[in-house]
Amino acid sequence: MALQIQENYGIHSVIGHLGAQNVSHLKNHIQKLMTVNDTIMISIENIKSIDTAAAKSLEALYIEAASQNIVLFIFGKQNLQIQTSMKQSKTQY
């Protein structure tokens, strides 16, 4: 399944497999949102798998947003399909 990002009521849901090969798509999407929003909500509840590089990229995006005084909510850590990778990369908060 290719990576999809769907917006519904201000929540951007990431759907599919998130890895090093396609995390740039998500990164570009979030960076564009940061130019026009001061609060961004990202749901990772529908990610089927994530690798450690992608998990680290999410963390870097969070830090980048915070440095620009932008609130970036990333929720869905209860997603059992990605918990192992998030723990391995030490990005599960």
Protein backbone atom coordinates (compact mmCIF):
# COMPACT_ATOMS: atom_id res chain seq x y z
CA MET A 1 0.00 0.00 0.00
CA ALA A 2 1.37 3.40 -0.97
CA LEU A 3 1.53 6.15 1.62
CA GLN A 4 -1.57 8.32 1.76
CA ILE A 5 -2.27 11.48 3.74
CA GLN A 6 -5.92 12.36 4.17
CA GLU A 7 -7.22 15.48 5.91
CA ASN A 8 -10.51 15.34 7.75
CA TYR A 9 -11.65 18.13 10.07
CA GLY A 10 -8.10 19.38 10.50
CA ILE A 11 -6.61 15.98 11.32
CA HIS A 12 -4.09 14.68 8.81
CA SER A 13 -4.21 10.87 8.83
CA VAL A 14 -1.20 8.97 7.56
CA ILE A 15 -2.23 5.68 5.97
CA GLY A 16 -0.03 2.86 4.70
CA HIS A 17 3.60 1.91 5.19
CA LEU A 18 5.95 4.67 6.33
CA GLY A 19 9.61 4.10 5.67
CA ALA A 20 12.84 5.80 4.67
CA GLN A 21 11.82 5.64 0.99
CA ASN A 22 8.62 7.68 1.39
CA VAL A 23 9.01 9.68 4.62
CA SER A 24 10.10 12.69 2.53
CA HIS A 25 6.53 12.87 1.18
CA LEU A 26 5.17 13.20 4.73
CA LYS A 27 7.96 15.60 5.69
CA ASN A 28 7.20 17.90 2.74
CA HIS A 29 3.48 17.80 3.56
CA ILE A 30 4.02 18.76 7.20
CA GLN A 31 6.55 21.47 6.34
CA LYS A 32 4.03 23.05 3.96
CA LEU A 33 1.41 22.95 6.71
CA MET A 34 3.87 24.70 9.06
CA THR A 35 3.97 27.71 6.73
CA VAL A 36 0.26 28.39 7.23
CA ASN A 37 -0.72 26.78 10.55
CA ASP A 38 0.40 27.21 14.13
CA THR A 39 -1.22 23.93 15.21
CA ILE A 40 -1.01 20.70 13.21
CA MET A 41 -2.59 17.35 14.09
CA ILE A 42 -1.16 14.16 12.60
CA SER A 43 -2.70 10.74 13.17
CA ILE A 44 -0.45 7.69 12.83
CA GLU A 45 -3.19 5.28 13.88
CA ASN A 46 -3.51 3.86 10.35
CA ILE A 47 0.17 3.27 9.61
CA LYS A 48 0.70 -0.39 8.74
CA SER A 49 4.45 -0.33 9.42
CA ILE A 50 7.21 2.16 10.18
CA ASP A 51 10.97 1.80 10.13
CA THR A 52 13.35 3.46 12.54
CA ALA A 53 14.45 6.08 9.99
CA ALA A 54 10.86 7.22 9.52
CA ALA A 55 10.28 7.26 13.28
CA LYS A 56 13.36 9.47 13.72
CA SER A 57 12.07 11.74 10.94
CA LEU A 58 8.80 12.21 12.82
CA GLU A 59 10.78 13.17 15.89
CA ALA A 60 12.87 15.64 13.85
CA LEU A 61 9.68 17.20 12.45
CA TYR A 62 8.33 17.58 15.97
CA ILE A 63 11.53 19.35 17.06
CA GLU A 64 11.48 21.55 13.95
CA ALA A 65 7.87 22.57 14.62
CA ALA A 66 8.63 23.36 18.26
CA SER A 67 11.57 25.53 17.26
CA GLN A 68 9.14 27.59 15.15
CA ASN A 69 6.58 27.80 17.98
CA ILE A 70 4.24 25.48 16.10
CA VAL A 71 2.28 22.86 18.01
CA LEU A 72 2.57 19.49 16.28
CA PHE A 73 0.33 16.79 17.73
CA ILE A 74 1.29 13.29 16.63
CA PHE A 75 -1.14 10.78 18.03
CA GLY A 76 -1.78 7.09 17.58
CA LYS A 77 1.03 5.59 19.64
CA GLN A 78 -1.39 2.85 20.69
CA ASN A 79 -1.08 1.46 17.15
CA LEU A 80 0.32 -2.02 17.90
CA GLN A 81 1.76 -2.39 14.39
CA ILE A 82 4.32 0.37 14.96
CA GLN A 83 5.09 0.16 18.68
CA THR A 84 8.16 -2.08 18.27
CA SER A 85 9.84 0.26 15.78
CA MET A 86 8.99 3.29 17.88
CA LYS A 87 10.54 1.64 20.95
CA GLN A 88 13.65 0.56 19.03
CA SER A 89 14.21 4.09 17.75
CA LYS A 90 13.46 5.55 21.19
CA THR A 91 10.76 7.79 19.71
CA GLN A 92 7.79 6.48 21.67
CA TYR A 93 6.72 9.26 24.02
